[in-house]
Amino acid sequence: MINYDFIEAIIFDGFFAAIASIGFAVISNPPRKAILVSAFLAAIGHGLRYCLLHSTSLDIASASFLAAFSIGMLSIFFAKKIHCPAEVFSFPSLLPMIPGMFAYKTILALVKFIQCKDDSASVDIIVAIFRNGLTATFVMFALVVGVAVPMFIFHKQSFAVTRILKLVKKDR
């Protein structure tokens, strides 16, 4: 049976990731088509990660890797379609998946550790520092590797668009 609340949560997650991706994409002043593709890829990637986290037993780093890999694969496909380098819309699509809450909790625990005078409480704080810090690090690593692997696999397709753009500019 279809769980409509779960589907609605995936759609909302993807929608808000798309809005964030538009904000990140506009900063680099790409073509308008690239902004829309970036929003679409962010929605797909973030929605996939949400779905994997809540419907499977995958951890956040593995789910982030698979979502980043799907963004990387789709960005190469769209790079050919709109004649724009894949990096233009793959990187803004990844930015909404950066683990900001884990990084924040790491810094907060570091500040608590500095202020802590009780040795028994400091052990729990050190555990929180390492748990959140390593989670943030592994998720960031998974995002980078996940989006880079398709670009390394399809190196010629990924950079063929850039060569074509250079040739077009030379002819003008």
Protein backbone atom coordinates (compact mmCIF):
# COMPACT_ATOMS: atom_id res chain seq x y z
CA MET A 1 0.00 0.00 0.00
CA ILE A 2 1.23 3.48 -0.84
CA ASN A 3 2.08 5.71 2.08
CA TYR A 4 1.05 9.18 0.92
CA ASP A 5 2.63 10.93 3.91
CA PHE A 6 6.02 9.45 3.01
CA ILE A 7 5.70 10.50 -0.63
CA GLU A 8 4.61 13.98 0.47
CA ALA A 9 7.66 14.22 2.76
CA ILE A 10 9.98 13.22 -0.12
CA ILE A 11 8.39 15.84 -2.39
CA PHE A 12 8.69 18.59 0.25
CA ASP A 13 12.29 17.62 0.94
CA GLY A 14 13.12 17.79 -2.75
CA PHE A 15 11.23 21.06 -3.18
CA PHE A 16 13.13 22.86 -0.44
CA ALA A 17 16.43 21.46 -1.71
CA ALA A 18 15.56 22.82 -5.16
CA ILE A 19 14.95 26.28 -3.72
CA ALA A 20 18.29 26.20 -1.90
CA SER A 21 20.02 25.00 -5.06
CA ILE A 22 18.59 27.89 -7.04
CA GLY A 23 20.07 30.28 -4.50
CA PHE A 24 23.48 28.62 -4.72
CA ALA A 25 23.38 28.40 -8.51
CA VAL A 26 22.50 32.07 -9.05
CA ILE A 27 25.71 33.09 -7.31
CA SER A 28 27.85 31.79 -10.17
CA ASN A 29 25.68 33.44 -12.86
CA PRO A 30 25.05 30.40 -15.11
CA PRO A 31 22.56 30.27 -18.01
CA ARG A 32 18.91 30.11 -16.92
CA LYS A 33 18.57 26.56 -18.19
CA ALA A 34 21.40 25.53 -15.89
CA ILE A 35 19.62 27.04 -12.89
CA LEU A 36 16.51 24.99 -13.58
CA VAL A 37 18.55 21.83 -14.11
CA SER A 38 20.39 22.50 -10.86
CA ALA A 39 17.10 22.80 -9.01
CA PHE A 40 15.81 19.60 -10.60
CA LEU A 41 18.98 17.69 -9.73
CA ALA A 42 18.92 18.95 -6.15
CA ALA A 43 15.31 17.84 -5.78
CA ILE A 44 16.09 14.40 -7.20
CA GLY A 45 19.26 13.95 -5.15
CA HIS A 46 17.88 15.22 -1.86
CA GLY A 47 14.63 13.31 -2.33
CA LEU A 48 16.58 10.14 -3.07
CA ARG A 49 18.71 10.60 0.03
CA TYR A 50 15.59 11.17 2.15
CA CYS A 51 13.97 8.08 0.69
CA LEU A 52 17.08 5.95 1.30
CA LEU A 53 17.48 7.19 4.86
CA HIS A 54 13.88 6.52 5.83
CA SER A 55 13.04 3.37 3.88
CA THR A 56 16.30 1.40 4.04
CA SER A 57 18.91 0.68 6.68
CA LEU A 58 21.54 2.89 5.00
CA ASP A 59 23.39 5.45 7.07
CA ILE A 60 23.59 9.11 6.07
CA ALA A 61 27.04 8.83 4.45
CA SER A 62 26.03 5.91 2.20
CA ALA A 63 22.73 7.53 1.28
CA SER A 64 24.55 10.79 0.51
CA PHE A 65 27.03 8.92 -1.69
CA LEU A 66 24.24 7.31 -3.73
CA ALA A 67 22.37 10.61 -4.04
CA ALA A 68 25.56 12.44 -5.11
CA PHE A 69 26.32 9.68 -7.61
CA SER A 70 22.85 10.08 -9.13
CA ILE A 71 23.36 13.86 -9.33
CA GLY A 72 26.70 13.27 -11.04
CA MET A 73 25.22 10.86 -13.59
CA LEU A 74 22.27 13.12 -14.35
CA SER A 75 24.52 16.18 -14.61
CA ILE A 76 26.54 14.51 -17.37
CA PHE A 77 23.31 13.71 -19.19
CA PHE A 78 22.06 17.30 -18.90
CA ALA A 79 25.48 18.70 -19.83
CA LYS A 80 25.04 17.22 -23.28
CA LYS A 81 21.45 18.43 -23.54
CA ILE A 82 21.97 22.10 -22.71
CA HIS A 83 25.62 22.45 -23.80
CA CYS A 84 26.95 23.52 -20.44
CA PRO A 85 29.68 21.92 -18.28
CA ALA A 86 28.30 19.39 -15.81
CA GLU A 87 29.96 21.11 -12.87
CA VAL A 88 27.82 24.21 -13.37
CA PHE A 89 24.73 22.47 -12.06
CA SER A 90 26.11 19.47 -10.18
CA PHE A 91 27.87 21.45 -7.46
CA PRO A 92 24.98 23.80 -6.59
CA SER A 93 22.79 20.69 -6.45
CA LEU A 94 25.05 19.15 -3.82
CA LEU A 95 25.22 22.15 -1.51
CA PRO A 96 21.81 21.55 0.15
CA MET A 97 23.10 18.13 1.26
CA ILE A 98 26.05 19.50 3.23
CA PRO A 99 25.73 18.23 6.82
CA GLY A 100 25.50 21.59 8.57
CA MET A 101 23.78 20.27 11.68
CA PHE A 102 26.56 17.76 12.37
CA ALA A 103 29.22 20.45 11.88
CA TYR A 104 27.28 22.79 14.19
CA LYS A 105 26.98 20.10 16.88
CA THR A 106 30.71 19.43 16.60
CA ILE A 107 31.61 23.08 17.20
CA LEU A 108 29.05 23.33 20.00
CA ALA A 109 30.55 20.28 21.72
CA LEU A 110 34.04 21.74 21.29
CA VAL A 111 32.94 24.93 23.04
CA LYS A 112 31.31 22.88 25.82
CA PHE A 113 34.49 20.85 26.21
CA ILE A 114 36.56 24.01 26.62
CA GLN A 115 34.16 25.33 29.26
CA CYS A 116 33.74 21.99 31.07
CA LYS A 117 35.37 21.65 34.46
CA ASP A 118 33.97 18.20 35.32
CA ASP A 119 36.08 15.29 34.03
CA SER A 120 33.20 12.80 34.01
CA ALA A 121 31.08 15.01 31.72
CA SER A 122 33.98 15.71 29.40
CA VAL A 123 34.06 12.08 28.23
CA ASP A 124 30.51 12.38 26.87
CA ILE A 125 31.42 15.66 25.22
CA ILE A 126 34.48 14.13 23.54
CA VAL A 127 32.30 11.31 22.23
CA ALA A 128 29.87 13.90 20.81
CA ILE A 129 32.75 15.79 19.19
CA PHE A 130 34.04 12.71 17.43
CA ARG A 131 30.62 11.29 16.52
CA ASN A 132 29.37 14.52 14.93
CA GLY A 133 32.72 15.54 13.46
CA LEU A 134 33.34 12.19 11.82
CA THR A 135 29.77 12.03 10.52
CA ALA A 136 30.14 15.47 8.93
CA THR A 137 33.51 14.51 7.46
CA PHE A 138 32.29 11.22 6.01
CA VAL A 139 29.18 12.80 4.52
CA MET A 140 31.26 15.52 2.88
CA PHE A 141 33.68 12.89 1.56
CA ALA A 142 30.76 10.82 0.24
CA LEU A 143 29.31 13.86 -1.55
CA VAL A 144 32.61 14.72 -3.20
CA VAL A 145 33.41 11.18 -4.28
CA GLY A 146 29.83 10.48 -5.34
CA VAL A 147 29.68 13.42 -7.75
CA ALA A 148 33.27 13.00 -8.96
CA VAL A 149 33.09 9.30 -9.88
CA PRO A 150 30.68 9.80 -12.82
CA MET A 151 32.78 12.67 -14.11
CA PHE A 152 35.88 10.47 -14.00
CA ILE A 153 34.09 7.53 -15.61
CA PHE A 154 32.62 9.67 -18.39
CA HIS A 155 35.59 12.03 -18.65
CA LYS A 156 35.31 12.53 -22.40
CA GLN A 157 31.58 13.17 -22.29
CA SER A 158 31.92 15.51 -19.33
CA PHE A 159 34.57 17.72 -20.91
CA ALA A 160 33.54 17.37 -24.56
CA VAL A 161 30.92 20.04 -23.95
CA THR A 162 33.60 22.45 -22.74
CA ARG A 163 35.67 21.82 -25.85
CA ILE A 164 32.64 22.43 -28.05
CA LEU A 165 31.95 25.72 -26.27
CA LYS A 166 35.57 26.82 -26.84
CA LEU A 167 35.29 26.02 -30.53
CA VAL A 168 32.05 27.98 -30.83
CA LYS A 169 33.64 30.99 -29.14
CA LYS A 170 36.62 30.82 -31.52
CA ASP A 171 34.31 30.96 -34.54
CA ARG A 172 32.67 34.16 -33.35
